[in-house]
Amino acid sequence: MTSVLLIRGGNGAFRSCRAEGHAGFAEAGADIVCSAVTVLLRTTMQTLADSAGIRLEADTSARGTLFFSACAEKPSPETDARLVYAGDFLEHGLVSIAEEYPGNVELRIQNGK
């Protein structure tokens, strides 16, 4: 099972995400559930990494584990909006996958203050 922890700030802004494990829907290399989760996470991570004014930290060193966090270097309406959208994008996508494949994806969401 893939376990995902998504942490959002009080305004809904993305703060961090950690995913661990393999979905176990199919063999490695053919697992559509694992691929779907990976695409959502990596696309969000790359988009934030390429965003001006956002500092990203990531750890992809261990196979089957992905962690990344992001914050605004200087808060602005543009960076705040981008981080809120990143949180919305990940939450909606991951909720959809977890609902469709509940035996393969566990999603926990923490909303901060």
PDB file of N, CA and C in Angstrom:
ATOM      1  N   MET A   1       0.847  -1.181   0.000  1.00  0.00           N
ATOM      2  CA  MET A   1       0.000   0.000   0.000  1.00  0.00           C
ATOM      3  C   MET A   1       0.884   1.233   0.000  1.00  0.00           C
ATOM      4  N   THR A   2       0.441   2.239  -0.741  1.00  0.00           N
ATOM      5  CA  THR A   2       1.104   3.535  -0.719  1.00  0.00           C
ATOM      6  C   THR A   2       0.411   4.396   0.328  1.00  0.00           C
ATOM      7  N   SER A   3       1.194   4.931   1.256  1.00  0.00           N
ATOM      8  CA  SER A   3       0.678   5.835   2.285  1.00  0.00           C
ATOM      9  C   SER A   3       1.158   7.242   1.962  1.00  0.00           C
ATOM     10  N   VAL A   4       0.212   8.176   1.921  1.00  0.00           N
ATOM     11  CA  VAL A   4       0.537   9.554   1.590  1.00  0.00           C
ATOM     12  C   VAL A   4       0.050  10.461   2.713  1.00  0.00           C
ATOM     13  N   LEU A   5       0.932  11.359   3.135  1.00  0.00           N
ATOM     14  CA  LEU A   5       0.579  12.389   4.107  1.00  0.00           C
ATOM     15  C   LEU A   5       0.753  13.730   3.430  1.00  0.00           C
ATOM     16  N   LEU A   6      -0.345  14.466   3.288  1.00  0.00           N
ATOM     17  CA  LEU A   6      -0.345  15.799   2.697  1.00  0.00           C
ATOM     18  C   LEU A   6      -0.577  16.800   3.815  1.00  0.00           C
ATOM     19  N   ILE A   7       0.312  17.765   3.936  1.00  0.00           N
ATOM     20  CA  ILE A   7       0.175  18.795   4.964  1.00  0.00           C
ATOM     21  C   ILE A   7      -0.063  20.142   4.280  1.00  0.00           C
ATOM     22  N   ARG A   8      -1.158  20.800   4.708  1.00  0.00           N
ATOM     23  CA  ARG A   8      -1.536  22.100   4.166  1.00  0.00           C
ATOM     24  C   ARG A   8      -1.598  23.124   5.289  1.00  0.00           C
ATOM     25  N   GLY A   9      -1.329  24.369   4.949  1.00  0.00           N
ATOM     26  CA  GLY A   9      -1.418  25.447   5.923  1.00  0.00           C
ATOM     27  C   GLY A   9      -2.858  25.846   6.170  1.00  0.00           C
ATOM     28  N   GLY A  10      -3.041  26.746   7.110  1.00  0.00           N
ATOM     29  CA  GLY A  10      -4.382  27.201   7.470  1.00  0.00           C
ATOM     30  C   GLY A  10      -5.143  27.823   6.319  1.00  0.00           C
ATOM     31  N   ASN A  11      -4.436  28.437   5.380  1.00  0.00           N
ATOM     32  CA  ASN A  11      -5.085  29.042   4.211  1.00  0.00           C
ATOM     33  C   ASN A  11      -5.219  28.048   3.061  1.00  0.00           C
ATOM     34  N   GLY A  12      -4.857  26.787   3.303  1.00  0.00           N
ATOM     35  CA  GLY A  12      -4.946  25.758   2.267  1.00  0.00           C
ATOM     36  C   GLY A  12      -3.679  25.586   1.461  1.00  0.00           C
ATOM     37  N   ALA A  13      -2.666  26.399   1.763  1.00  0.00           N
ATOM     38  CA  ALA A  13      -1.420  26.323   1.004  1.00  0.00           C
ATOM     39  C   ALA A  13      -0.710  24.994   1.235  1.00  0.00           C
ATOM     40  N   PHE A  14      -0.116  24.472   0.180  1.00  0.00           N
ATOM     41  CA  PHE A  14       0.696  23.281   0.274  1.00  0.00           C
ATOM     42  C   PHE A  14       1.877  23.571   1.192  1.00  0.00           C
ATOM     43  N   ARG A  15       2.171  22.639   2.092  1.00  0.00           N
ATOM     44  CA  ARG A  15       3.367  22.736   2.933  1.00  0.00           C
ATOM     45  C   ARG A  15       4.318  21.592   2.642  1.00  0.00           C
ATOM     46  N   SER A  16       3.796  20.354   2.694  1.00  0.00           N
ATOM     47  CA  SER A  16       4.662  19.210   2.406  1.00  0.00           C
ATOM     48  C   SER A  16       3.835  17.978   2.074  1.00  0.00           C
ATOM     49  N   CYS A  17       4.547  17.000   1.532  1.00  0.00           N
ATOM     50  CA  CYS A  17       3.909  15.737   1.191  1.00  0.00           C
ATOM     51  C   CYS A  17       4.950  14.631   1.331  1.00  0.00           C
ATOM     52  N   ARG A  18       4.524  13.522   1.909  1.00  0.00           N
ATOM     53  CA  ARG A  18       5.383  12.344   2.030  1.00  0.00           C
ATOM     54  C   ARG A  18       4.585  11.144   1.535  1.00  0.00           C
ATOM     55  N   ALA A  19       5.188  10.383   0.643  1.00  0.00           N
ATOM     56  CA  ALA A  19       4.576   9.149   0.139  1.00  0.00           C
ATOM     57  C   ALA A  19       5.567   8.014   0.345  1.00  0.00           C
ATOM     58  N   GLU A  20       5.049   6.904   0.847  1.00  0.00           N
ATOM     59  CA  GLU A  20       5.899   5.752   1.117  1.00  0.00           C
ATOM     60  C   GLU A  20       5.193   4.474   0.689  1.00  0.00           C
ATOM     61  N   GLY A  21       5.960   3.545   0.185  1.00  0.00           N
ATOM     62  CA  GLY A  21       5.445   2.232  -0.157  1.00  0.00           C
ATOM     63  C   GLY A  21       4.989   2.141  -1.598  1.00  0.00           C
ATOM     64  N   HIS A  22       4.655   0.929  -1.978  1.00  0.00           N
ATOM     65  CA  HIS A  22       4.167   0.662  -3.331  1.00  0.00           C
ATOM     66  C   HIS A  22       2.702   0.246  -3.243  1.00  0.00           C
ATOM     67  N   ALA A  23       1.928   0.670  -4.210  1.00  0.00           N
ATOM     68  CA  ALA A  23       0.488   0.446  -4.171  1.00  0.00           C
ATOM     69  C   ALA A  23       0.117  -1.029  -4.136  1.00  0.00           C
ATOM     70  N   GLY A  24       0.871  -1.868  -4.818  1.00  0.00           N
ATOM     71  CA  GLY A  24       0.583  -3.292  -4.808  1.00  0.00           C
ATOM     72  C   GLY A  24      -0.607  -3.692  -5.655  1.00  0.00           C
ATOM     73  N   PHE A  25      -1.016  -2.835  -6.575  1.00  0.00           N
ATOM     74  CA  PHE A  25      -2.127  -3.160  -7.470  1.00  0.00           C
ATOM     75  C   PHE A  25      -1.684  -4.159  -8.532  1.00  0.00           C
ATOM     76  N   ALA A  26      -0.440  -4.019  -8.983  1.00  0.00           N
ATOM     77  CA  ALA A  26       0.132  -4.906 -10.001  1.00  0.00           C
ATOM     78  C   ALA A  26       1.638  -4.991  -9.756  1.00  0.00           C
ATOM     79  N   GLU A  27       2.315  -5.768 -10.572  1.00  0.00           N
ATOM     80  CA  GLU A  27       3.764  -5.912 -10.435  1.00  0.00           C
ATOM     81  C   GLU A  27       4.453  -4.576 -10.683  1.00  0.00           C
ATOM     82  N   ALA A  28       5.627  -4.419 -10.076  1.00  0.00           N
ATOM     83  CA  ALA A  28       6.418  -3.209 -10.274  1.00  0.00           C
ATOM     84  C   ALA A  28       6.639  -2.987 -11.768  1.00  0.00           C
ATOM     85  N   GLY A  29       6.476  -1.766 -12.190  1.00  0.00           N
ATOM     86  CA  GLY A  29       6.626  -1.423 -13.594  1.00  0.00           C
ATOM     87  C   GLY A  29       5.320  -1.490 -14.371  1.00  0.00           C
ATOM     88  N   ALA A  30       4.301  -2.125 -13.792  1.00  0.00           N
ATOM     89  CA  ALA A  30       3.003  -2.232 -14.465  1.00  0.00           C
ATOM     90  C   ALA A  30       1.866  -1.783 -13.559  1.00  0.00           C
ATOM     91  N   ASP A  31       2.192  -1.123 -12.466  1.00  0.00           N
ATOM     92  CA  ASP A  31       1.199  -0.739 -11.460  1.00  0.00           C
ATOM     93  C   ASP A  31       0.627   0.639 -11.789  1.00  0.00           C
ATOM     94  N   ILE A  32      -0.599   0.662 -12.317  1.00  0.00           N
ATOM     95  CA  ILE A  32      -1.211   1.931 -12.722  1.00  0.00           C
ATOM     96  C   ILE A  32      -1.518   2.839 -11.536  1.00  0.00           C
ATOM     97  N   VAL A  33      -1.797   2.254 -10.385  1.00  0.00           N
ATOM     98  CA  VAL A  33      -2.108   3.056  -9.201  1.00  0.00           C
ATOM     99  C   VAL A  33      -0.843   3.764  -8.723  1.00  0.00           C
ATOM    100  N   CYS A  34       0.235   3.034  -8.641  1.00  0.00           N
ATOM    101  CA  CYS A  34       1.512   3.627  -8.238  1.00  0.00           C
ATOM    102  C   CYS A  34       1.924   4.717  -9.235  1.00  0.00           C
ATOM    103  N   SER A  35       1.728   4.448 -10.508  1.00  0.00           N
ATOM    104  CA  SER A  35       2.065   5.430 -11.535  1.00  0.00           C
ATOM    105  C   SER A  35       1.232   6.699 -11.394  1.00  0.00           C
ATOM    106  N   ALA A  36      -0.053   6.546 -11.131  1.00  0.00           N
ATOM    107  CA  ALA A  36      -0.931   7.712 -10.996  1.00  0.00           C
ATOM    108  C   ALA A  36      -0.503   8.597  -9.827  1.00  0.00           C
ATOM    109  N   VAL A  37      -0.217   7.977  -8.691  1.00  0.00           N
ATOM    110  CA  VAL A  37       0.229   8.735  -7.520  1.00  0.00           C
ATOM    111  C   VAL A  37       1.561   9.421  -7.825  1.00  0.00           C
ATOM    112  N   THR A  38       2.467   8.694  -8.434  1.00  0.00           N
ATOM    113  CA  THR A  38       3.784   9.242  -8.755  1.00  0.00           C
ATOM    114  C   THR A  38       3.684  10.429  -9.694  1.00  0.00           C
ATOM    115  N   VAL A  39       2.844  10.347 -10.703  1.00  0.00           N
ATOM    116  CA  VAL A  39       2.690  11.459 -11.652  1.00  0.00           C
ATOM    117  C   VAL A  39       2.156  12.699 -10.943  1.00  0.00           C
ATOM    118  N   LEU A  40       1.152  12.536 -10.097  1.00  0.00           N
ATOM    119  CA  LEU A  40       0.625  13.686  -9.353  1.00  0.00           C
ATOM    120  C   LEU A  40       1.703  14.337  -8.493  1.00  0.00           C
ATOM    121  N   LEU A  41       2.427  13.507  -7.742  1.00  0.00           N
ATOM    122  CA  LEU A  41       3.431  14.044  -6.831  1.00  0.00           C
ATOM    123  C   LEU A  41       4.586  14.708  -7.575  1.00  0.00           C
ATOM    124  N   ARG A  42       5.111  14.025  -8.570  1.00  0.00           N
ATOM    125  CA  ARG A  42       6.265  14.577  -9.290  1.00  0.00           C
ATOM    126  C   ARG A  42       5.911  15.808 -10.103  1.00  0.00           C
ATOM    127  N   THR A  43       4.713  15.852 -10.677  1.00  0.00           N
ATOM    128  CA  THR A  43       4.296  17.032 -11.426  1.00  0.00           C
ATOM    129  C   THR A  43       4.161  18.228 -10.496  1.00  0.00           C
ATOM    130  N   THR A  44       3.555  18.018  -9.348  1.00  0.00           N
ATOM    131  CA  THR A  44       3.430  19.107  -8.373  1.00  0.00           C
ATOM    132  C   THR A  44       4.806  19.555  -7.909  1.00  0.00           C
ATOM    133  N   MET A  45       5.668  18.608  -7.586  1.00  0.00           N
ATOM    134  CA  MET A  45       7.012  18.935  -7.114  1.00  0.00           C
ATOM    135  C   MET A  45       7.780  19.734  -8.169  1.00  0.00           C
ATOM    136  N   GLN A  46       7.742  19.295  -9.416  1.00  0.00           N
ATOM    137  CA  GLN A  46       8.478  19.991 -10.474  1.00  0.00           C
ATOM    138  C   GLN A  46       7.902  21.370 -10.746  1.00  0.00           C
ATOM    139  N   THR A  47       6.591  21.496 -10.713  1.00  0.00           N
ATOM    140  CA  THR A  47       5.957  22.794 -10.935  1.00  0.00           C
ATOM    141  C   THR A  47       6.366  23.783  -9.849  1.00  0.00           C
ATOM    142  N   LEU A  48       6.366  23.331  -8.604  1.00  0.00           N
ATOM    143  CA  LEU A  48       6.789  24.212  -7.506  1.00  0.00           C
ATOM    144  C   LEU A  48       8.277  24.538  -7.600  1.00  0.00           C
ATOM    145  N   ALA A  49       9.085  23.563  -7.992  1.00  0.00           N
ATOM    146  CA  ALA A  49      10.530  23.806  -8.132  1.00  0.00           C
ATOM    147  C   ALA A  49      10.813  24.861  -9.198  1.00  0.00           C
ATOM    148  N   ASP A  50       9.989  24.902 -10.236  1.00  0.00           N
ATOM    149  CA  ASP A  50      10.185  25.847 -11.326  1.00  0.00           C
ATOM    150  C   ASP A  50       9.508  27.198 -11.087  1.00  0.00           C
ATOM    151  N   SER A  51       8.857  27.369  -9.945  1.00  0.00           N
ATOM    152  CA  SER A  51       8.122  28.592  -9.648  1.00  0.00           C
ATOM    153  C   SER A  51       9.011  29.619  -8.962  1.00  0.00           C
ATOM    154  N   ALA A  52       9.070  30.794  -9.536  1.00  0.00           N
ATOM    155  CA  ALA A  52       9.839  31.888  -8.936  1.00  0.00           C
ATOM    156  C   ALA A  52       9.243  32.239  -7.580  1.00  0.00           C
ATOM    157  N   GLY A  53      10.109  32.457  -6.609  1.00  0.00           N
ATOM    158  CA  GLY A  53       9.667  32.882  -5.287  1.00  0.00           C
ATOM    159  C   GLY A  53       9.283  31.753  -4.349  1.00  0.00           C
ATOM    160  N   ILE A  54       9.426  30.508  -4.804  1.00  0.00           N
ATOM    161  CA  ILE A  54       9.101  29.359  -3.960  1.00  0.00           C
ATOM    162  C   ILE A  54      10.359  28.523  -3.749  1.00  0.00           C
ATOM    163  N   ARG A  55      10.617  28.215  -2.486  1.00  0.00           N
ATOM    164  CA  ARG A  55      11.763  27.370  -2.132  1.00  0.00           C
ATOM    165  C   ARG A  55      11.259  25.946  -1.923  1.00  0.00           C
ATOM    166  N   LEU A  56      11.854  25.006  -2.628  1.00  0.00           N
ATOM    167  CA  LEU A  56      11.457  23.608  -2.548  1.00  0.00           C
ATOM    168  C   LEU A  56      12.591  22.787  -1.965  1.00  0.00           C
ATOM    169  N   GLU A  57      12.246  21.896  -1.067  1.00  0.00           N
ATOM    170  CA  GLU A  57      13.189  20.902  -0.555  1.00  0.00           C
ATOM    171  C   GLU A  57      12.589  19.548  -0.855  1.00  0.00           C
ATOM    172  N   ALA A  58      13.431  18.621  -1.336  1.00  0.00           N
ATOM    173  CA  ALA A  58      12.924  17.307  -1.705  1.00  0.00           C
ATOM    174  C   ALA A  58      13.915  16.221  -1.351  1.00  0.00           C
ATOM    175  N   ASP A  59      13.369  15.038  -1.066  1.00  0.00           N
ATOM    176  CA  ASP A  59      14.186  13.852  -0.837  1.00  0.00           C
ATOM    177  C   ASP A  59      13.567  12.718  -1.643  1.00  0.00           C
ATOM    178  N   THR A  60      14.272  12.316  -2.667  1.00  0.00           N
ATOM    179  CA  THR A  60      13.841  11.212  -3.517  1.00  0.00           C
ATOM    180  C   THR A  60      14.896  10.111  -3.506  1.00  0.00           C
ATOM    181  N   SER A  61      15.710  10.071  -2.457  1.00  0.00           N
ATOM    182  CA  SER A  61      16.865   9.180  -2.433  1.00  0.00           C
ATOM    183  C   SER A  61      16.523   7.706  -2.274  1.00  0.00           C
ATOM    184  N   ALA A  62      15.410   7.379  -1.645  1.00  0.00           N
ATOM    185  CA  ALA A  62      15.058   5.974  -1.422  1.00  0.00           C
ATOM    186  C   ALA A  62      13.928   5.566  -2.359  1.00  0.00           C
ATOM    187  N   ARG A  63      14.119   4.461  -3.034  1.00  0.00           N
ATOM    188  CA  ARG A  63      13.071   3.954  -3.936  1.00  0.00           C
ATOM    189  C   ARG A  63      11.819   3.641  -3.117  1.00  0.00           C
ATOM    190  N   GLY A  64      10.659   4.083  -3.611  1.00  0.00           N
ATOM    191  CA  GLY A  64       9.408   3.842  -2.901  1.00  0.00           C
ATOM    192  C   GLY A  64       9.085   4.901  -1.865  1.00  0.00           C
ATOM    193  N   THR A  65       9.911   5.945  -1.787  1.00  0.00           N
ATOM    194  CA  THR A  65       9.673   7.037  -0.840  1.00  0.00           C
ATOM    195  C   THR A  65       9.910   8.366  -1.540  1.00  0.00           C
ATOM    196  N   LEU A  66       9.021   9.307  -1.310  1.00  0.00           N
ATOM    197  CA  LEU A  66       9.162  10.643  -1.871  1.00  0.00           C
ATOM    198  C   LEU A  66       8.692  11.637  -0.824  1.00  0.00           C
ATOM    199  N   PHE A  67       9.522  12.636  -0.557  1.00  0.00           N
ATOM    200  CA  PHE A  67       9.151  13.706   0.354  1.00  0.00           C
ATOM    201  C   PHE A  67       9.513  15.021  -0.301  1.00  0.00           C
ATOM    202  N   PHE A  68       8.609  16.002  -0.203  1.00  0.00           N
ATOM    203  CA  PHE A  68       8.969  17.348  -0.616  1.00  0.00           C
ATOM    204  C   PHE A  68       8.153  18.360   0.165  1.00  0.00           C
ATOM    205  N   SER A  69       8.760  19.520   0.372  1.00  0.00           N
ATOM    206  CA  SER A  69       8.100  20.620   1.061  1.00  0.00           C
ATOM    207  C   SER A  69       8.386  21.896   0.282  1.00  0.00           C
ATOM    208  N   ALA A  70       7.512  22.868   0.446  1.00  0.00           N
ATOM    209  CA  ALA A  70       7.679  24.131  -0.267  1.00  0.00           C
ATOM    210  C   ALA A  70       7.171  25.276   0.594  1.00  0.00           C
ATOM    211  N   CYS A  71       7.799  26.423   0.413  1.00  0.00           N
ATOM    212  CA  CYS A  71       7.341  27.631   1.088  1.00  0.00           C
ATOM    213  C   CYS A  71       7.731  28.835   0.244  1.00  0.00           C
ATOM    214  N   ALA A  72       7.031  29.918   0.466  1.00  0.00           N
ATOM    215  CA  ALA A  72       7.334  31.159  -0.242  1.00  0.00           C
ATOM    216  C   ALA A  72       8.593  31.768   0.344  1.00  0.00           C
ATOM    217  N   GLU A  73       9.493  32.186  -0.526  1.00  0.00           N
ATOM    218  CA  GLU A  73      10.691  32.884  -0.051  1.00  0.00           C
ATOM    219  C   GLU A  73      10.298  34.222   0.567  1.00  0.00           C
ATOM    220  N   LYS A  74       9.405  34.926  -0.092  1.00  0.00           N
ATOM    221  CA  LYS A  74       8.790  36.154   0.408  1.00  0.00           C
ATOM    222  C   LYS A  74       7.318  36.036   0.070  1.00  0.00           C
ATOM    223  N   PRO A  75       6.455  35.993   1.076  1.00  0.00           N
ATOM    224  CA  PRO A  75       5.023  35.866   0.774  1.00  0.00           C
ATOM    225  C   PRO A  75       4.537  36.969  -0.165  1.00  0.00           C
ATOM    226  N   SER A  76       3.756  36.554  -1.135  1.00  0.00           N
ATOM    227  CA  SER A  76       3.129  37.484  -2.077  1.00  0.00           C
ATOM    228  C   SER A  76       1.825  36.848  -2.541  1.00  0.00           C
ATOM    229  N   PRO A  77       0.932  37.633  -3.094  1.00  0.00           N
ATOM    230  CA  PRO A  77      -0.312  37.041  -3.589  1.00  0.00           C
ATOM    231  C   PRO A  77      -0.061  35.940  -4.626  1.00  0.00           C
ATOM    232  N   GLU A  78       0.951  36.109  -5.462  1.00  0.00           N
ATOM    233  CA  GLU A  78       1.237  35.124  -6.508  1.00  0.00           C
ATOM    234  C   GLU A  78       1.749  33.807  -5.923  1.00  0.00           C
ATOM    235  N   THR A  79       2.711  33.884  -5.003  1.00  0.00           N
ATOM    236  CA  THR A  79       3.245  32.638  -4.434  1.00  0.00           C
ATOM    237  C   THR A  79       2.210  31.971  -3.539  1.00  0.00           C
ATOM    238  N   ASP A  80       1.450  32.771  -2.789  1.00  0.00           N
ATOM    239  CA  ASP A  80       0.387  32.193  -1.954  1.00  0.00           C
ATOM    240  C   ASP A  80      -0.626  31.447  -2.818  1.00  0.00           C
ATOM    241  N   ALA A  81      -1.032  32.054  -3.919  1.00  0.00           N
ATOM    242  CA  ALA A  81      -2.005  31.430  -4.811  1.00  0.00           C
ATOM    243  C   ALA A  81      -1.445  30.143  -5.414  1.00  0.00           C
ATOM    244  N   ARG A  82      -0.191  30.149  -5.770  1.00  0.00           N
ATOM    245  CA  ARG A  82       0.422  28.949  -6.358  1.00  0.00           C
ATOM    246  C   ARG A  82       0.469  27.814  -5.338  1.00  0.00           C
ATOM    247  N   LEU A  83       0.811  28.122  -4.098  1.00  0.00           N
ATOM    248  CA  LEU A  83       0.875  27.088  -3.059  1.00  0.00           C
ATOM    249  C   LEU A  83      -0.515  26.557  -2.699  1.00  0.00           C
ATOM    250  N   VAL A  84      -1.524  27.423  -2.693  1.00  0.00           N
ATOM    251  CA  VAL A  84      -2.897  26.967  -2.446  1.00  0.00           C
ATOM    252  C   VAL A  84      -3.338  26.061  -3.591  1.00  0.00           C
ATOM    253  N   TYR A  85      -3.055  26.465  -4.818  1.00  0.00           N
ATOM    254  CA  TYR A  85      -3.430  25.637  -5.962  1.00  0.00           C
ATOM    255  C   TYR A  85      -2.721  24.284  -5.923  1.00  0.00           C
ATOM    256  N   ALA A  86      -1.447  24.275  -5.556  1.00  0.00           N
ATOM    257  CA  ALA A  86      -0.717  23.012  -5.452  1.00  0.00           C
ATOM    258  C   ALA A  86      -1.367  22.093  -4.422  1.00  0.00           C
ATOM    259  N   GLY A  87      -1.795  22.662  -3.297  1.00  0.00           N
ATOM    260  CA  GLY A  87      -2.489  21.875  -2.283  1.00  0.00           C
ATOM    261  C   GLY A  87      -3.808  21.327  -2.799  1.00  0.00           C
ATOM    262  N   ASP A  88      -4.572  22.168  -3.500  1.00  0.00           N
ATOM    263  CA  ASP A  88      -5.848  21.735  -4.076  1.00  0.00           C
ATOM    264  C   ASP A  88      -5.642  20.636  -5.119  1.00  0.00           C
ATOM    265  N   PHE A  89      -4.679  20.844  -6.006  1.00  0.00           N
ATOM    266  CA  PHE A  89      -4.388  19.885  -7.072  1.00  0.00           C
ATOM    267  C   PHE A  89      -4.050  18.516  -6.489  1.00  0.00           C
ATOM    268  N   LEU A  90      -3.126  18.508  -5.534  1.00  0.00           N
ATOM    269  CA  LEU A  90      -2.732  17.231  -4.929  1.00  0.00           C
ATOM    270  C   LEU A  90      -3.880  16.591  -4.164  1.00  0.00           C
ATOM    271  N   GLU A  91      -4.570  17.372  -3.357  1.00  0.00           N
ATOM    272  CA  GLU A  91      -5.652  16.799  -2.554  1.00  0.00           C
ATOM    273  C   GLU A  91      -6.745  16.201  -3.439  1.00  0.00           C
ATOM    274  N   HIS A  92      -7.200  16.928  -4.436  1.00  0.00           N
ATOM    275  CA  HIS A  92      -8.255  16.409  -5.305  1.00  0.00           C
ATOM    276  C   HIS A  92      -7.801  15.152  -6.049  1.00  0.00           C
ATOM    277  N   GLY A  93      -6.609  15.186  -6.594  1.00  0.00           N
ATOM    278  CA  GLY A  93      -6.102  14.034  -7.325  1.00  0.00           C
ATOM    279  C   GLY A  93      -5.909  12.816  -6.449  1.00  0.00           C
ATOM    280  N   LEU A  94      -5.313  13.012  -5.279  1.00  0.00           N
ATOM    281  CA  LEU A  94      -5.047  11.889  -4.374  1.00  0.00           C
ATOM    282  C   LEU A  94      -6.332  11.334  -3.762  1.00  0.00           C
ATOM    283  N   VAL A  95      -7.281  12.205  -3.426  1.00  0.00           N
ATOM    284  CA  VAL A  95      -8.565  11.734  -2.901  1.00  0.00           C
ATOM    285  C   VAL A  95      -9.248  10.848  -3.947  1.00  0.00           C
ATOM    286  N   SER A  96      -9.231  11.277  -5.183  1.00  0.00           N
ATOM    287  CA  SER A  96      -9.855  10.510  -6.256  1.00  0.00           C
ATOM    288  C   SER A  96      -9.234   9.114  -6.385  1.00  0.00           C
ATOM    289  N   ILE A  97      -7.913   9.045  -6.367  1.00  0.00           N
ATOM    290  CA  ILE A  97      -7.232   7.750  -6.482  1.00  0.00           C
ATOM    291  C   ILE A  97      -7.505   6.892  -5.251  1.00  0.00           C
ATOM    292  N   ALA A  98      -7.425   7.487  -4.061  1.00  0.00           N
ATOM    293  CA  ALA A  98      -7.649   6.731  -2.819  1.00  0.00           C
ATOM    294  C   ALA A  98      -9.078   6.195  -2.736  1.00  0.00           C
ATOM    295  N   GLU A  99     -10.036   6.954  -3.236  1.00  0.00           N
ATOM    296  CA  GLU A  99     -11.432   6.485  -3.228  1.00  0.00           C
ATOM    297  C   GLU A  99     -11.636   5.338  -4.219  1.00  0.00           C
ATOM    298  N   GLU A 100     -10.971   5.413  -5.351  1.00  0.00           N
ATOM    299  CA  GLU A 100     -11.126   4.376  -6.370  1.00  0.00           C
ATOM    300  C   GLU A 100     -10.344   3.110  -6.027  1.00  0.00           C
ATOM    301  N   TYR A 101      -9.224   3.266  -5.319  1.00  0.00           N
ATOM    302  CA  TYR A 101      -8.358   2.133  -4.961  1.00  0.00           C
ATOM    303  C   TYR A 101      -8.054   2.159  -3.461  1.00  0.00           C
ATOM    304  N   PRO A 102      -9.077   1.993  -2.620  1.00  0.00           N
ATOM    305  CA  PRO A 102      -8.872   2.119  -1.169  1.00  0.00           C
ATOM    306  C   PRO A 102      -7.946   1.057  -0.575  1.00  0.00           C
ATOM    307  N   GLY A 103      -7.796  -0.055  -1.214  1.00  0.00           N
ATOM    308  CA  GLY A 103      -6.890  -1.087  -0.714  1.00  0.00           C
ATOM    309  C   GLY A 103      -5.448  -0.872  -1.127  1.00  0.00           C
ATOM    310  N   ASN A 104      -5.217   0.179  -1.927  1.00  0.00           N
ATOM    311  CA  ASN A 104      -3.874   0.410  -2.452  1.00  0.00           C
ATOM    312  C   ASN A 104      -3.275   1.759  -2.076  1.00  0.00           C
ATOM    313  N   VAL A 105      -4.141   2.724  -1.715  1.00  0.00           N
ATOM    314  CA  VAL A 105      -3.661   4.066  -1.372  1.00  0.00           C
ATOM    315  C   VAL A 105      -4.347   4.528  -0.099  1.00  0.00           C
ATOM    316  N   GLU A 106      -3.530   4.921   0.859  1.00  0.00           N
ATOM    317  CA  GLU A 106      -4.026   5.504   2.106  1.00  0.00           C
ATOM    318  C   GLU A 106      -3.604   6.973   2.104  1.00  0.00           C
ATOM    319  N   LEU A 107      -4.575   7.864   2.234  1.00  0.00           N
ATOM    320  CA  LEU A 107      -4.290   9.301   2.225  1.00  0.00           C
ATOM    321  C   LEU A 107      -4.677   9.905   3.563  1.00  0.00           C
ATOM    322  N   ARG A 108      -3.741  10.638   4.140  1.00  0.00           N
ATOM    323  CA  ARG A 108      -4.010  11.423   5.340  1.00  0.00           C
ATOM    324  C   ARG A 108      -3.719  12.872   5.008  1.00  0.00           C
ATOM    325  N   ILE A 109      -4.610  13.744   5.447  1.00  0.00           N
ATOM    326  CA  ILE A 109      -4.443  15.179   5.189  1.00  0.00           C
ATOM    327  C   ILE A 109      -4.452  15.896   6.531  1.00  0.00           C
ATOM    328  N   GLN A 110      -3.435  16.719   6.725  1.00  0.00           N
ATOM    329  CA  GLN A 110      -3.367  17.557   7.933  1.00  0.00           C
ATOM    330  C   GLN A 110      -3.480  19.009   7.494  1.00  0.00           C
ATOM    331  N   ASN A 111      -4.438  19.701   8.057  1.00  0.00           N
ATOM    332  CA  ASN A 111      -4.606  21.114   7.784  1.00  0.00           C
ATOM    333  C   ASN A 111      -4.074  21.906   8.964  1.00  0.00           C
ATOM    334  N   GLY A 112      -3.120  22.779   8.689  1.00  0.00           N
ATOM    335  CA  GLY A 112      -2.478  23.554   9.745  1.00  0.00           C
ATOM    336  C   GLY A 112      -3.215  24.812  10.088  1.00  0.00           C
ATOM    337  N   LYS A 113      -2.554  25.612  10.872  1.00  0.00           N
ATOM    338  CA  LYS A 113      -3.130  26.872  11.337  1.00  0.00           C
ATOM    339  C   LYS A 113      -2.513  28.033  10.624  1.00  0.00           C
TER     340      LYS A 113
END
